[in-house]
PDB file of N, CA and C in Angstrom:
ATOM      1  N   UNK A   1    -108.253 -81.968  48.979  1.00  0.00           N
ATOM      2  CA  UNK A   1    -108.544 -80.796  47.788  1.00  0.00           C
ATOM      3  C   UNK A   1    -107.262 -80.548  47.041  1.00  0.00           C
ATOM      4  N   UNK A   2    -107.144 -81.121  45.648  1.00  0.00           N
ATOM      5  CA  UNK A   2    -106.176 -80.672  44.788  1.00  0.00           C
ATOM      6  C   UNK A   2    -106.332 -79.331  44.223  1.00  0.00           C
ATOM      7  N   UNK A   3    -105.407 -78.440  44.178  1.00  0.00           N
ATOM      8  CA  UNK A   3    -105.694 -77.081  43.369  1.00  0.00           C
ATOM      9  C   UNK A   3    -104.745 -76.876  42.730  1.00  0.00           C
ATOM     10  N   UNK A   4    -104.826 -76.316  41.251  1.00  0.00           N
ATOM     11  CA  UNK A   4    -104.071 -75.749  40.381  1.00  0.00           C
ATOM     12  C   UNK A   4    -103.939 -74.279  40.401  1.00  0.00           C
ATOM     13  N   UNK A   5    -102.936 -73.510  40.670  1.00  0.00           N
ATOM     14  CA  UNK A   5    -102.846 -72.228  40.860  1.00  0.00           C
ATOM     15  C   UNK A   5    -101.924 -71.786  39.620  1.00  0.00           C
ATOM     16  N   UNK A   6    -102.641 -70.978  38.490  1.00  0.00           N
ATOM     17  CA  UNK A   6    -102.023 -70.573  37.447  1.00  0.00           C
ATOM     18  C   UNK A   6    -102.090 -69.115  37.231  1.00  0.00           C
ATOM     19  N   UNK A   7    -100.571 -68.696  37.200  1.00  0.00           N
ATOM     20  CA  UNK A   7    -100.448 -66.973  37.276  1.00  0.00           C
ATOM     21  C   UNK A   7     -98.978 -66.887  36.712  1.00  0.00           C
ATOM     22  N   UNK A   8     -98.694 -66.133  35.762  1.00  0.00           N
ATOM     23  CA  UNK A   8     -97.201 -65.707  35.244  1.00  0.00           C
ATOM     24  C   UNK A   8     -96.355 -65.058  35.933  1.00  0.00           C
ATOM     25  N   UNK A   9     -96.862 -64.511  37.138  1.00  0.00           N
ATOM     26  CA  UNK A   9     -96.184 -63.837  38.169  1.00  0.00           C
ATOM     27  C   UNK A   9     -95.750 -64.611  39.426  1.00  0.00           C
ATOM     28  N   UNK A  10     -94.447 -65.154  39.645  1.00  0.00           N
ATOM     29  CA  UNK A  10     -94.078 -65.749  40.756  1.00  0.00           C
ATOM     30  C   UNK A  10     -94.482 -65.246  42.067  1.00  0.00           C
ATOM     31  N   UNK A  11     -94.512 -63.897  42.330  1.00  0.00           N
ATOM     32  CA  UNK A  11     -94.887 -63.569  43.547  1.00  0.00           C
ATOM     33  C   UNK A  11     -96.369 -63.389  43.741  1.00  0.00           C
ATOM     34  N   UNK A  12     -97.243 -63.365  42.580  1.00  0.00           N
ATOM     35  CA  UNK A  12     -98.678 -63.729  42.738  1.00  0.00           C
ATOM     36  C   UNK A  12     -98.997 -65.085  43.193  1.00  0.00           C
ATOM     37  N   UNK A  13     -97.983 -66.017  42.622  1.00  0.00           N
ATOM     38  CA  UNK A  13     -98.469 -67.552  42.988  1.00  0.00           C
ATOM     39  C   UNK A  13     -98.127 -67.864  44.244  1.00  0.00           C
ATOM     40  N   UNK A  14     -97.136 -67.060  44.838  1.00  0.00           N
ATOM     41  CA  UNK A  14     -96.536 -67.335  46.063  1.00  0.00           C
ATOM     42  C   UNK A  14     -97.602 -66.813  47.198  1.00  0.00           C
ATOM     43  N   UNK A  15     -98.089 -65.518  46.776  1.00  0.00           N
ATOM     44  CA  UNK A  15     -99.258 -64.948  47.797  1.00  0.00           C
ATOM     45  C   UNK A  15    -100.486 -65.919  47.750  1.00  0.00           C
ATOM     46  N   UNK A  16    -100.836 -66.312  46.781  1.00  0.00           N
ATOM     47  CA  UNK A  16    -101.918 -66.746  46.524  1.00  0.00           C
ATOM     48  C   UNK A  16    -101.925 -68.495  47.342  1.00  0.00           C
ATOM     49  N   UNK A  17    -100.755 -69.010  47.128  1.00  0.00           N
ATOM     50  CA  UNK A  17    -100.392 -70.436  47.713  1.00  0.00           C
ATOM     51  C   UNK A  17    -100.231 -70.346  49.289  1.00  0.00           C
ATOM     52  N   UNK A  18     -99.699 -69.021  49.778  1.00  0.00           N
ATOM     53  CA  UNK A  18     -99.636 -68.920  51.152  1.00  0.00           C
ATOM     54  C   UNK A  18    -101.016 -68.604  51.681  1.00  0.00           C
ATOM     55  N   UNK A  19    -101.795 -67.967  50.929  1.00  0.00           N
ATOM     56  CA  UNK A  19    -103.199 -67.691  51.478  1.00  0.00           C
ATOM     57  C   UNK A  19    -104.105 -69.233  51.622  1.00  0.00           C
ATOM     58  N   UNK A  20    -104.070 -69.973  50.513  1.00  0.00           N
ATOM     59  CA  UNK A  20    -104.607 -71.262  50.485  1.00  0.00           C
ATOM     60  C   UNK A  20    -104.010 -72.100  51.525  1.00  0.00           C
ATOM     61  N   UNK A  21    -102.759 -72.065  51.873  1.00  0.00           N
ATOM     62  CA  UNK A  21    -102.088 -72.804  53.200  1.00  0.00           C
ATOM     63  C   UNK A  21    -102.657 -72.405  54.178  1.00  0.00           C
ATOM     64  N   UNK A  22    -102.940 -71.019  54.404  1.00  0.00           N
ATOM     65  CA  UNK A  22    -103.498 -70.566  55.873  1.00  0.00           C
ATOM     66  C   UNK A  22    -104.878 -71.064  55.917  1.00  0.00           C
ATOM     67  N   UNK A  23    -105.477 -71.231  54.888  1.00  0.00           N
ATOM     68  CA  UNK A  23    -106.769 -71.924  54.875  1.00  0.00           C
ATOM     69  C   UNK A  23    -107.043 -73.436  54.915  1.00  0.00           C
ATOM     70  N   UNK A  24    -105.645 -74.136  54.975  1.00  0.00           N
ATOM     71  CA  UNK A  24    -105.663 -75.723  55.300  1.00  0.00           C
ATOM     72  C   UNK A  24    -105.992 -76.283  54.007  1.00  0.00           C
ATOM     73  N   UNK A  25    -105.510 -75.610  52.808  1.00  0.00           N
ATOM     74  CA  UNK A  25    -105.393 -76.333  51.605  1.00  0.00           C
ATOM     75  C   UNK A  25    -104.080 -76.537  51.176  1.00  0.00           C
ATOM     76  N   UNK A  26    -103.420 -77.680  51.195  1.00  0.00           N
ATOM     77  CA  UNK A  26    -102.004 -77.935  50.978  1.00  0.00           C
ATOM     78  C   UNK A  26    -101.475 -78.692  49.781  1.00  0.00           C
ATOM     79  N   UNK A  27    -102.721 -79.247  49.098  1.00  0.00           N
ATOM     80  CA  UNK A  27    -102.290 -80.102  47.705  1.00  0.00           C
ATOM     81  C   UNK A  27    -102.287 -79.106  46.707  1.00  0.00           C
ATOM     82  N   UNK A  28    -101.404 -78.399  46.435  1.00  0.00           N
ATOM     83  CA  UNK A  28    -101.418 -77.286  45.504  1.00  0.00           C
ATOM     84  C   UNK A  28    -100.169 -77.482  44.587  1.00  0.00           C
ATOM     85  N   UNK A  29    -100.510 -77.225  43.277  1.00  0.00           N
ATOM     86  CA  UNK A  29     -99.544 -77.409  42.135  1.00  0.00           C
ATOM     87  C   UNK A  29     -99.429 -76.227  41.506  1.00  0.00           C
ATOM     88  N   UNK A  30     -98.551 -75.559  40.807  1.00  0.00           N
ATOM     89  CA  UNK A  30     -98.591 -74.352  40.255  1.00  0.00           C
ATOM     90  C   UNK A  30     -98.024 -74.386  38.667  1.00  0.00           C
ATOM     91  N   UNK A  31     -98.653 -73.564  38.071  1.00  0.00           N
ATOM     92  CA  UNK A  31     -98.453 -73.496  36.427  1.00  0.00           C
ATOM     93  C   UNK A  31     -98.187 -71.766  36.138  1.00  0.00           C
ATOM     94  N   UNK A  32     -97.240 -71.509  35.286  1.00  0.00           N
ATOM     95  CA  UNK A  32     -96.901 -70.409  34.902  1.00  0.00           C
ATOM     96  C   UNK A  32     -97.627 -69.693  33.739  1.00  0.00           C
ATOM     97  N   UNK A  33     -98.795 -70.301  32.889  1.00  0.00           N
ATOM     98  CA  UNK A  33     -99.283 -70.012  32.077  1.00  0.00           C
ATOM     99  C   UNK A  33    -100.634 -71.095  31.768  1.00  0.00           C
ATOM    100  N   UNK A  34    -101.507 -70.655  30.891  1.00  0.00           N
ATOM    101  CA  UNK A  34    -102.548 -71.395  30.589  1.00  0.00           C
ATOM    102  C   UNK A  34    -102.297 -72.833  29.983  1.00  0.00           C
ATOM    103  N   UNK A  35    -101.133 -72.560  28.908  1.00  0.00           N
ATOM    104  CA  UNK A  35    -100.788 -73.778  28.162  1.00  0.00           C
ATOM    105  C   UNK A  35     -99.995 -74.758  29.095  1.00  0.00           C
ATOM    106  N   UNK A  36     -99.247 -74.408  30.037  1.00  0.00           N
ATOM    107  CA  UNK A  36     -98.523 -75.303  30.988  1.00  0.00           C
ATOM    108  C   UNK A  36     -99.948 -75.857  32.042  1.00  0.00           C
ATOM    109  N   UNK A  37    -100.804 -75.046  32.345  1.00  0.00           N
ATOM    110  CA  UNK A  37    -101.747 -75.636  33.198  1.00  0.00           C
ATOM    111  C   UNK A  37    -102.660 -76.580  32.417  1.00  0.00           C
ATOM    112  N   UNK A  38    -103.063 -76.607  31.130  1.00  0.00           N
ATOM    113  CA  UNK A  38    -103.901 -77.364  30.623  1.00  0.00           C
ATOM    114  C   UNK A  38    -103.044 -78.731  30.256  1.00  0.00           C
ATOM    115  N   UNK A  39    -101.982 -78.373  29.999  1.00  0.00           N
ATOM    116  CA  UNK A  39    -100.884 -79.725  29.844  1.00  0.00           C
ATOM    117  C   UNK A  39    -100.797 -80.511  31.173  1.00  0.00           C
ATOM    118  N   UNK A  40    -100.890 -79.710  32.376  1.00  0.00           N
ATOM    119  CA  UNK A  40    -101.026 -80.833  33.727  1.00  0.00           C
ATOM    120  C   UNK A  40    -102.406 -81.125  33.864  1.00  0.00           C
ATOM    121  N   UNK A  41    -103.584 -80.176  33.567  1.00  0.00           N
ATOM    122  CA  UNK A  41    -104.938 -80.967  33.778  1.00  0.00           C
ATOM    123  C   UNK A  41    -105.219 -82.208  32.762  1.00  0.00           C
ATOM    124  N   UNK A  42    -104.584 -82.232  31.756  1.00  0.00           N
ATOM    125  CA  UNK A  42    -104.613 -83.360  30.864  1.00  0.00           C
ATOM    126  C   UNK A  42    -104.168 -84.824  31.462  1.00  0.00           C
ATOM    127  N   UNK A  43    -103.073 -84.584  32.293  1.00  0.00           N
ATOM    128  CA  UNK A  43    -102.242 -85.582  33.074  1.00  0.00           C
ATOM    129  C   UNK A  43    -102.561 -85.851  34.373  1.00  0.00           C
ATOM    130  N   UNK A  44    -103.026 -85.014  35.032  1.00  0.00           N
ATOM    131  CA  UNK A  44    -103.267 -85.166  36.463  1.00  0.00           C
ATOM    132  C   UNK A  44    -104.782 -84.473  36.947  1.00  0.00           C
ATOM    133  N   UNK A  45    -105.425 -85.243  38.093  1.00  0.00           N
ATOM    134  CA  UNK A  45    -106.836 -84.659  38.375  1.00  0.00           C
ATOM    135  C   UNK A  45    -106.638 -83.692  39.189  1.00  0.00           C
ATOM    136  N   UNK A  46    -107.476 -82.647  39.321  1.00  0.00           N
ATOM    137  CA  UNK A  46    -107.368 -81.582  40.116  1.00  0.00           C
ATOM    138  C   UNK A  46    -109.021 -81.219  40.439  1.00  0.00           C
ATOM    139  N   UNK A  47    -109.186 -80.660  41.831  1.00  0.00           N
ATOM    140  CA  UNK A  47    -110.435 -80.230  42.153  1.00  0.00           C
ATOM    141  C   UNK A  47    -110.982 -78.888  41.967  1.00  0.00           C
ATOM    142  N   UNK A  48    -109.779 -78.187  41.513  1.00  0.00           N
ATOM    143  CA  UNK A  48    -110.181 -76.517  41.493  1.00  0.00           C
ATOM    144  C   UNK A  48    -109.015 -75.847  40.708  1.00  0.00           C
ATOM    145  N   UNK A  49    -109.373 -75.011  39.894  1.00  0.00           N
ATOM    146  CA  UNK A  49    -108.212 -74.355  39.317  1.00  0.00           C
ATOM    147  C   UNK A  49    -108.528 -72.673  39.505  1.00  0.00           C
ATOM    148  N   UNK A  50    -107.465 -72.144  39.940  1.00  0.00           N
ATOM    149  CA  UNK A  50    -107.416 -70.751  40.337  1.00  0.00           C
ATOM    150  C   UNK A  50    -106.399 -69.971  39.384  1.00  0.00           C
ATOM    151  N   UNK A  51    -106.962 -69.352  38.419  1.00  0.00           N
ATOM    152  CA  UNK A  51    -106.125 -68.803  37.143  1.00  0.00           C
ATOM    153  C   UNK A  51    -106.248 -67.308  37.342  1.00  0.00           C
ATOM    154  N   UNK A  52    -104.854 -66.444  36.774  1.00  0.00           N
ATOM    155  CA  UNK A  52    -105.166 -65.396  36.433  1.00  0.00           C
ATOM    156  C   UNK A  52    -105.786 -64.998  34.980  1.00  0.00           C
ATOM    157  N   UNK A  53    -106.123 -64.077  34.838  1.00  0.00           N
ATOM    158  CA  UNK A  53    -106.928 -63.912  33.313  1.00  0.00           C
ATOM    159  C   UNK A  53    -105.864 -63.575  32.453  1.00  0.00           C
ATOM    160  N   UNK A  54    -104.978 -62.217  32.766  1.00  0.00           N
ATOM    161  CA  UNK A  54    -103.975 -61.938  31.715  1.00  0.00           C
ATOM    162  C   UNK A  54    -102.593 -62.735  31.850  1.00  0.00           C
ATOM    163  N   UNK A  55    -102.399 -63.698  30.814  1.00  0.00           N
ATOM    164  CA  UNK A  55    -100.883 -64.227  30.834  1.00  0.00           C
ATOM    165  C   UNK A  55    -100.518 -64.572  29.356  1.00  0.00           C
ATOM    166  N   UNK A  56     -99.200 -64.661  29.183  1.00  0.00           N
ATOM    167  CA  UNK A  56     -98.607 -64.878  27.852  1.00  0.00           C
ATOM    168  C   UNK A  56     -98.850 -66.410  27.579  1.00  0.00           C
ATOM    169  N   UNK A  57     -98.897 -66.862  26.268  1.00  0.00           N
ATOM    170  CA  UNK A  57     -98.778 -68.036  25.669  1.00  0.00           C
ATOM    171  C   UNK A  57    -100.447 -68.411  25.703  1.00  0.00           C
ATOM    172  N   UNK A  58    -101.100 -68.741  26.885  1.00  0.00           N
ATOM    173  CA  UNK A  58    -102.736 -68.954  26.970  1.00  0.00           C
ATOM    174  C   UNK A  58    -103.219 -68.119  27.943  1.00  0.00           C
ATOM    175  N   UNK A  59    -104.129 -67.259  27.843  1.00  0.00           N
ATOM    176  CA  UNK A  59    -104.443 -66.426  29.083  1.00  0.00           C
ATOM    177  C   UNK A  59    -105.720 -67.322  29.874  1.00  0.00           C
ATOM    178  N   UNK A  60    -106.056 -66.826  30.777  1.00  0.00           N
ATOM    179  CA  UNK A  60    -107.076 -67.490  31.601  1.00  0.00           C
ATOM    180  C   UNK A  60    -108.466 -67.828  30.895  1.00  0.00           C
ATOM    181  N   UNK A  61    -108.870 -66.722  30.161  1.00  0.00           N
ATOM    182  CA  UNK A  61    -110.283 -67.055  29.302  1.00  0.00           C
ATOM    183  C   UNK A  61    -109.959 -68.242  28.355  1.00  0.00           C
ATOM    184  N   UNK A  62    -108.891 -68.221  27.669  1.00  0.00           N
ATOM    185  CA  UNK A  62    -108.696 -69.357  26.944  1.00  0.00           C
ATOM    186  C   UNK A  62    -108.473 -70.660  27.528  1.00  0.00           C
ATOM    187  N   UNK A  63    -107.704 -70.620  28.737  1.00  0.00           N
ATOM    188  CA  UNK A  63    -107.566 -71.733  29.395  1.00  0.00           C
ATOM    189  C   UNK A  63    -109.049 -72.251  30.016  1.00  0.00           C
ATOM    190  N   UNK A  64    -110.114 -71.356  30.441  1.00  0.00           N
ATOM    191  CA  UNK A  64    -111.407 -71.634  30.885  1.00  0.00           C
ATOM    192  C   UNK A  64    -112.111 -72.187  29.507  1.00  0.00           C
ATOM    193  N   UNK A  65    -112.029 -71.655  28.462  1.00  0.00           N
ATOM    194  CA  UNK A  65    -112.758 -72.233  27.378  1.00  0.00           C
ATOM    195  C   UNK A  65    -112.293 -73.757  26.965  1.00  0.00           C
ATOM    196  N   UNK A  66    -111.039 -73.911  27.219  1.00  0.00           N
ATOM    197  CA  UNK A  66    -110.446 -75.087  26.835  1.00  0.00           C
ATOM    198  C   UNK A  66    -110.906 -76.252  28.060  1.00  0.00           C
ATOM    199  N   UNK A  67    -111.018 -75.619  29.228  1.00  0.00           N
ATOM    200  CA  UNK A  67    -111.723 -76.687  30.312  1.00  0.00           C
ATOM    201  C   UNK A  67    -112.997 -77.073  29.864  1.00  0.00           C
ATOM    202  N   UNK A  68    -113.892 -76.184  29.358  1.00  0.00           N
ATOM    203  CA  UNK A  68    -115.278 -76.141  29.382  1.00  0.00           C
ATOM    204  C   UNK A  68    -115.412 -76.854  28.218  1.00  0.00           C
ATOM    205  N   UNK A  69    -114.688 -77.020  27.181  1.00  0.00           N
ATOM    206  CA  UNK A  69    -114.610 -77.765  25.989  1.00  0.00           C
ATOM    207  C   UNK A  69    -114.513 -79.109  26.087  1.00  0.00           C
ATOM    208  N   UNK A  70    -113.574 -79.394  27.046  1.00  0.00           N
ATOM    209  CA  UNK A  70    -112.988 -80.728  27.292  1.00  0.00           C
ATOM    210  C   UNK A  70    -114.106 -81.663  28.106  1.00  0.00           C
ATOM    211  N   UNK A  71    -114.575 -82.665  27.572  1.00  0.00           N
ATOM    212  CA  UNK A  71    -115.704 -83.744  28.346  1.00  0.00           C
ATOM    213  C   UNK A  71    -115.233 -84.103  29.762  1.00  0.00           C
ATOM    214  N   UNK A  72    -113.857 -84.315  29.969  1.00  0.00           N
ATOM    215  CA  UNK A  72    -113.367 -85.005  31.228  1.00  0.00           C
ATOM    216  C   UNK A  72    -113.323 -83.718  32.240  1.00  0.00           C
ATOM    217  N   UNK A  73    -112.926 -82.681  31.837  1.00  0.00           N
ATOM    218  CA  UNK A  73    -112.847 -81.440  32.656  1.00  0.00           C
ATOM    219  C   UNK A  73    -113.931 -80.612  32.588  1.00  0.00           C
ATOM    220  N   UNK A  74    -115.002 -80.689  31.970  1.00  0.00           N
ATOM    221  CA  UNK A  74    -116.031 -79.269  31.682  1.00  0.00           C
ATOM    222  C   UNK A  74    -116.525 -79.205  32.990  1.00  0.00           C
ATOM    223  N   UNK A  75    -116.648 -79.949  34.089  1.00  0.00           N
ATOM    224  CA  UNK A  75    -117.329 -79.475  35.161  1.00  0.00           C
ATOM    225  C   UNK A  75    -116.444 -79.165  36.384  1.00  0.00           C
ATOM    226  N   UNK A  76    -114.866 -78.903  36.114  1.00  0.00           N
ATOM    227  CA  UNK A  76    -113.959 -78.469  36.932  1.00  0.00           C
ATOM    228  C   UNK A  76    -114.277 -77.133  37.544  1.00  0.00           C
ATOM    229  N   UNK A  77    -114.216 -76.809  38.692  1.00  0.00           N
ATOM    230  CA  UNK A  77    -114.415 -75.257  39.267  1.00  0.00           C
ATOM    231  C   UNK A  77    -113.318 -74.601  38.957  1.00  0.00           C
ATOM    232  N   UNK A  78    -113.542 -73.481  38.431  1.00  0.00           N
ATOM    233  CA  UNK A  78    -112.417 -72.261  37.912  1.00  0.00           C
ATOM    234  C   UNK A  78    -112.602 -71.050  38.633  1.00  0.00           C
ATOM    235  N   UNK A  79    -111.729 -70.409  39.294  1.00  0.00           N
ATOM    236  CA  UNK A  79    -111.893 -69.358  40.027  1.00  0.00           C
ATOM    237  C   UNK A  79    -110.908 -68.318  39.241  1.00  0.00           C
ATOM    238  N   UNK A  80    -111.595 -67.180  38.740  1.00  0.00           N
ATOM    239  CA  UNK A  80    -110.610 -66.392  37.884  1.00  0.00           C
ATOM    240  C   UNK A  80    -110.108 -65.211  38.752  1.00  0.00           C
ATOM    241  N   UNK A  81    -108.998 -64.823  38.788  1.00  0.00           N
ATOM    242  CA  UNK A  81    -108.179 -63.866  39.565  1.00  0.00           C
ATOM    243  C   UNK A  81    -107.759 -62.694  38.596  1.00  0.00           C
ATOM    244  N   UNK A  82    -108.061 -61.521  38.548  1.00  0.00           N
ATOM    245  CA  UNK A  82    -107.736 -60.390  37.747  1.00  0.00           C
ATOM    246  C   UNK A  82    -107.463 -58.968  38.202  1.00  0.00           C
ATOM    247  N   UNK A  83    -106.895 -57.992  37.748  1.00  0.00           N
ATOM    248  CA  UNK A  83    -106.942 -56.584  38.297  1.00  0.00           C
ATOM    249  C   UNK A  83    -108.012 -55.875  37.417  1.00  0.00           C
ATOM    250  N   UNK A  84    -108.413 -56.625  36.545  1.00  0.00           N
ATOM    251  CA  UNK A  84    -109.468 -56.044  35.687  1.00  0.00           C
ATOM    252  C   UNK A  84    -111.193 -56.243  36.003  1.00  0.00           C
ATOM    253  N   UNK A  85    -111.673 -55.130  36.131  1.00  0.00           N
ATOM    254  CA  UNK A  85    -113.111 -55.299  36.541  1.00  0.00           C
ATOM    255  C   UNK A  85    -113.981 -54.713  35.629  1.00  0.00           C
ATOM    256  N   UNK A  86    -113.735 -54.723  34.612  1.00  0.00           N
ATOM    257  CA  UNK A  86    -114.823 -53.938  33.634  1.00  0.00           C
ATOM    258  C   UNK A  86    -115.998 -55.121  33.668  1.00  0.00           C
ATOM    259  N   UNK A  87    -117.140 -54.355  33.208  1.00  0.00           N
ATOM    260  CA  UNK A  87    -118.453 -55.019  33.213  1.00  0.00           C
ATOM    261  C   UNK A  87    -118.441 -56.178  32.050  1.00  0.00           C
ATOM    262  N   UNK A  88    -117.520 -55.779  30.847  1.00  0.00           N
ATOM    263  CA  UNK A  88    -117.268 -56.590  29.697  1.00  0.00           C
ATOM    264  C   UNK A  88    -116.666 -57.858  30.239  1.00  0.00           C
ATOM    265  N   UNK A  89    -115.609 -57.592  30.730  1.00  0.00           N
ATOM    266  CA  UNK A  89    -114.635 -58.713  31.199  1.00  0.00           C
ATOM    267  C   UNK A  89    -115.305 -59.762  31.931  1.00  0.00           C
ATOM    268  N   UNK A  90    -116.276 -59.146  33.191  1.00  0.00           N
ATOM    269  CA  UNK A  90    -116.824 -60.017  34.047  1.00  0.00           C
ATOM    270  C   UNK A  90    -118.169 -60.924  33.424  1.00  0.00           C
ATOM    271  N   UNK A  91    -118.843 -60.013  32.407  1.00  0.00           N
ATOM    272  CA  UNK A  91    -119.849 -60.677  31.729  1.00  0.00           C
ATOM    273  C   UNK A  91    -119.308 -61.851  30.638  1.00  0.00           C
ATOM    274  N   UNK A  92    -118.179 -61.439  30.200  1.00  0.00           N
ATOM    275  CA  UNK A  92    -117.413 -62.561  29.265  1.00  0.00           C
ATOM    276  C   UNK A  92    -117.107 -63.873  30.083  1.00  0.00           C
ATOM    277  N   UNK A  93    -116.619 -63.785  31.282  1.00  0.00           N
ATOM    278  CA  UNK A  93    -116.211 -64.823  32.150  1.00  0.00           C
ATOM    279  C   UNK A  93    -117.239 -65.625  32.538  1.00  0.00           C
ATOM    280  N   UNK A  94    -118.686 -64.834  33.047  1.00  0.00           N
ATOM    281  CA  UNK A  94    -119.765 -65.637  33.300  1.00  0.00           C
ATOM    282  C   UNK A  94    -120.343 -66.330  32.237  1.00  0.00           C
ATOM    283  N   UNK A  95    -120.120 -65.680  30.896  1.00  0.00           N
ATOM    284  CA  UNK A  95    -120.690 -66.328  29.754  1.00  0.00           C
ATOM    285  C   UNK A  95    -119.970 -67.849  29.528  1.00  0.00           C
ATOM    286  N   UNK A  96    -118.502 -67.690  29.764  1.00  0.00           N
ATOM    287  CA  UNK A  96    -117.738 -68.729  29.608  1.00  0.00           C
ATOM    288  C   UNK A  96    -117.606 -69.738  30.794  1.00  0.00           C
ATOM    289  N   UNK A  97    -118.602 -69.491  31.767  1.00  0.00           N
ATOM    290  CA  UNK A  97    -119.189 -70.177  32.597  1.00  0.00           C
ATOM    291  C   UNK A  97    -117.993 -70.402  33.889  1.00  0.00           C
ATOM    292  N   UNK A  98    -117.331 -69.393  34.344  1.00  0.00           N
ATOM    293  CA  UNK A  98    -116.546 -69.383  35.504  1.00  0.00           C
ATOM    294  C   UNK A  98    -117.039 -69.501  36.843  1.00  0.00           C
ATOM    295  N   UNK A  99    -116.765 -70.114  37.589  1.00  0.00           N
ATOM    296  CA  UNK A  99    -117.219 -70.276  38.894  1.00  0.00           C
ATOM    297  C   UNK A  99    -117.282 -69.386  40.036  1.00  0.00           C
ATOM    298  N   UNK A 100    -116.171 -68.609  39.689  1.00  0.00           N
ATOM    299  CA  UNK A 100    -116.004 -67.257  40.549  1.00  0.00           C
ATOM    300  C   UNK A 100    -115.033 -66.298  40.180  1.00  0.00           C
ATOM    301  N   UNK A 101    -114.915 -65.211  40.653  1.00  0.00           N
ATOM    302  CA  UNK A 101    -114.193 -63.894  40.056  1.00  0.00           C
ATOM    303  C   UNK A 101    -113.551 -63.443  41.299  1.00  0.00           C
ATOM    304  N   UNK A 102    -112.509 -63.143  41.415  1.00  0.00           N
ATOM    305  CA  UNK A 102    -111.847 -62.188  42.361  1.00  0.00           C
ATOM    306  C   UNK A 102    -110.846 -61.057  41.713  1.00  0.00           C
ATOM    307  N   UNK A 103    -111.337 -59.930  42.137  1.00  0.00           N
ATOM    308  CA  UNK A 103    -110.474 -58.601  41.887  1.00  0.00           C
ATOM    309  C   UNK A 103    -109.266 -58.382  42.601  1.00  0.00           C
ATOM    310  N   UNK A 104    -108.072 -58.209  42.181  1.00  0.00           N
ATOM    311  CA  UNK A 104    -106.831 -57.928  42.650  1.00  0.00           C
ATOM    312  C   UNK A 104    -106.731 -56.448  43.164  1.00  0.00           C
ATOM    313  N   UNK A 105    -106.315 -56.068  44.229  1.00  0.00           N
ATOM    314  CA  UNK A 105    -105.820 -56.989  45.164  1.00  0.00           C
ATOM    315  C   UNK A 105    -107.004 -57.297  45.825  1.00  0.00           C
ATOM    316  N   UNK A 106    -106.663 -58.600  46.645  1.00  0.00           N
ATOM    317  CA  UNK A 106    -107.738 -59.190  47.361  1.00  0.00           C
ATOM    318  C   UNK A 106    -107.135 -59.629  48.830  1.00  0.00           C
ATOM    319  N   UNK A 107    -108.130 -59.753  49.919  1.00  0.00           N
ATOM    320  CA  UNK A 107    -107.585 -60.259  51.086  1.00  0.00           C
ATOM    321  C   UNK A 107    -108.128 -61.581  51.230  1.00  0.00           C
ATOM    322  N   UNK A 108    -107.538 -62.297  52.238  1.00  0.00           N
ATOM    323  CA  UNK A 108    -107.809 -63.938  52.605  1.00  0.00           C
ATOM    324  C   UNK A 108    -109.117 -64.073  52.888  1.00  0.00           C
ATOM    325  N   UNK A 109    -109.858 -63.276  53.339  1.00  0.00           N
ATOM    326  CA  UNK A 109    -111.364 -63.275  53.760  1.00  0.00           C
ATOM    327  C   UNK A 109    -112.215 -63.426  52.304  1.00  0.00           C
ATOM    328  N   UNK A 110    -111.587 -62.620  51.366  1.00  0.00           N
ATOM    329  CA  UNK A 110    -112.272 -62.695  49.915  1.00  0.00           C
ATOM    330  C   UNK A 110    -112.282 -63.993  49.383  1.00  0.00           C
ATOM    331  N   UNK A 111    -110.954 -64.405  49.593  1.00  0.00           N
ATOM    332  CA  UNK A 111    -110.715 -65.803  48.762  1.00  0.00           C
ATOM    333  C   UNK A 111    -111.275 -67.009  49.558  1.00  0.00           C
ATOM    334  N   UNK A 112    -111.393 -66.770  50.806  1.00  0.00           N
ATOM    335  CA  UNK A 112    -112.046 -67.742  51.745  1.00  0.00           C
ATOM    336  C   UNK A 112    -113.729 -67.749  51.208  1.00  0.00           C
ATOM    337  N   UNK A 113    -114.206 -66.655  51.187  1.00  0.00           N
ATOM    338  CA  UNK A 113    -115.662 -66.609  50.944  1.00  0.00           C
ATOM    339  C   UNK A 113    -115.933 -67.325  49.559  1.00  0.00           C
ATOM    340  N   UNK A 114    -114.976 -66.936  48.497  1.00  0.00           N
ATOM    341  CA  UNK A 114    -115.137 -67.391  47.071  1.00  0.00           C
ATOM    342  C   UNK A 114    -115.050 -69.058  47.074  1.00  0.00           C
ATOM    343  N   UNK A 115    -113.954 -69.624  47.856  1.00  0.00           N
ATOM    344  CA  UNK A 115    -113.597 -71.106  48.044  1.00  0.00           C
ATOM    345  C   UNK A 115    -114.920 -71.680  48.712  1.00  0.00           C
ATOM    346  N   UNK A 116    -115.588 -70.944  49.746  1.00  0.00           N
ATOM    347  CA  UNK A 116    -116.616 -71.764  50.396  1.00  0.00           C
ATOM    348  C   UNK A 116    -117.843 -71.904  49.425  1.00  0.00           C
ATOM    349  N   UNK A 117    -118.096 -70.694  48.544  1.00  0.00           N
ATOM    350  CA  UNK A 117    -119.075 -70.705  47.806  1.00  0.00           C
ATOM    351  C   UNK A 117    -118.866 -71.688  46.372  1.00  0.00           C
ATOM    352  N   UNK A 118    -117.664 -72.068  46.047  1.00  0.00           N
ATOM    353  CA  UNK A 118    -117.482 -72.860  44.921  1.00  0.00           C
ATOM    354  C   UNK A 118    -117.271 -74.292  45.306  1.00  0.00           C
ATOM    355  N   UNK A 119    -116.406 -74.433  46.463  1.00  0.00           N
ATOM    356  CA  UNK A 119    -116.128 -75.745  46.719  1.00  0.00           C
ATOM    357  C   UNK A 119    -117.231 -76.563  47.750  1.00  0.00           C
ATOM    358  N   UNK A 120    -117.647 -77.646  47.492  1.00  0.00           N
ATOM    359  CA  UNK A 120    -118.569 -78.409  48.455  1.00  0.00           C
ATOM    360  C   UNK A 120    -117.586 -78.925  49.361  1.00  0.00           C
ATOM    361  N   UNK A 121    -118.183 -79.007  50.476  1.00  0.00           N
ATOM    362  CA  UNK A 121    -117.319 -79.884  51.589  1.00  0.00           C
ATOM    363  C   UNK A 121    -117.075 -81.460  51.108  1.00  0.00           C
ATOM    364  N   UNK A 122    -116.199 -81.972  51.604  1.00  0.00           N
ATOM    365  CA  UNK A 122    -115.876 -83.469  51.077  1.00  0.00           C
ATOM    366  C   UNK A 122    -116.598 -84.528  52.050  1.00  0.00           C
TER     367      UNK A 122
END
């Protein structure tokens, strides 16, 4: 499974990648914002995108919309990570067809539950 982790905060990417590795996901690529992530998505194949919501250049919602509008990428699972838990934000992400939502801070167990719900066994 090839995973793209998108977050503008290096520490958050590091924490997320370490959690993924503990869950035996080792094929991980990093991006610092949605624009860099979308560029990578157009050039390489991924099985899952885990993205922060609030980032400079292109935020997670805009990245999600770009993914859903692209015929090649439209079915790609996207897991949104954010510290914002307002009903409006959650409902906007659901409308934009996000596959999962994790509120920061979160633990390994929370990530594992979301991944097992989103990712189908190979």
